[in-house]
Amino acid sequence: MAAKELSADLLNQLLDKLEKLVGRVEFGSIELVFHQGKLVQLEKNEKLRLDKP
């Protein structure tokens, strides 16, 4: 597999994962963590809103 094909495949995998995370967040954030220029982690912080009693 050529480097461009590998990069495109990895990019598609990342976009799929981001889409799944973003689709489930109503209130919160998604954080991408990089180390030495490489994406190593995706973090999701979600806030749950409770109705006032």
Protein backbone atom coordinates (compact mmCIF):
# COMPACT_ATOMS: atom_id res chain seq x y z
CA MET A 1 0.00 0.00 0.00
CA ALA A 2 1.40 3.40 -0.98
CA ALA A 3 1.98 6.09 1.64
CA LYS A 4 -0.80 8.30 0.21
CA GLU A 5 -3.27 5.40 0.30
CA LEU A 6 -2.28 4.62 3.88
CA SER A 7 -2.66 8.26 4.88
CA ALA A 8 -6.06 8.47 3.19
CA ASP A 9 -7.17 5.27 4.95
CA LEU A 10 -6.04 6.57 8.35
CA LEU A 11 -7.75 9.90 7.70
CA ASN A 12 -11.01 8.11 6.83
CA GLN A 13 -10.78 6.05 10.03
CA LEU A 14 -10.20 9.21 12.08
CA LEU A 15 -13.12 10.99 10.44
CA ASP A 16 -15.40 8.01 11.14
CA LYS A 17 -14.41 8.00 14.82
CA LEU A 18 -14.85 11.76 15.12
CA GLU A 19 -18.26 11.55 13.48
CA LYS A 20 -19.37 8.90 15.99
CA LEU A 21 -18.12 10.97 18.94
CA VAL A 22 -19.60 14.25 17.74
CA GLY A 23 -22.93 12.66 16.89
CA ARG A 24 -23.45 11.65 20.53
CA VAL A 25 -22.39 14.89 22.26
CA GLU A 26 -25.22 17.23 23.19
CA PHE A 27 -23.22 19.44 25.58
CA GLY A 28 -19.46 19.07 25.85
CA SER A 29 -16.26 18.93 23.84
CA ILE A 30 -14.02 16.65 21.78
CA GLU A 31 -10.26 17.07 22.21
CA LEU A 32 -7.52 15.82 19.88
CA VAL A 33 -4.22 15.05 21.66
CA PHE A 34 -0.97 15.19 19.68
CA HIS A 35 2.54 14.10 20.72
CA GLN A 36 5.47 15.02 18.52
CA GLY A 37 3.16 15.97 15.67
CA LYS A 38 1.17 12.72 15.70
CA LEU A 39 -2.42 12.26 16.80
CA VAL A 40 -2.34 9.82 19.70
CA GLN A 41 -5.63 10.25 21.51
CA LEU A 42 -9.23 11.44 21.22
CA GLU A 43 -10.94 12.65 24.38
CA LYS A 44 -14.64 13.31 24.86
CA ASN A 45 -15.99 15.42 27.74
CA GLU A 46 -19.74 15.47 28.01
CA LYS A 47 -21.95 17.45 30.33
CA LEU A 48 -25.35 16.16 31.30
CA ARG A 49 -28.00 18.81 31.85
CA LEU A 50 -30.52 17.95 34.56
CA ASP A 51 -33.95 19.54 34.69
CA LYS A 52 -34.59 21.70 37.74
CA PRO A 53 -36.89 19.94 40.25
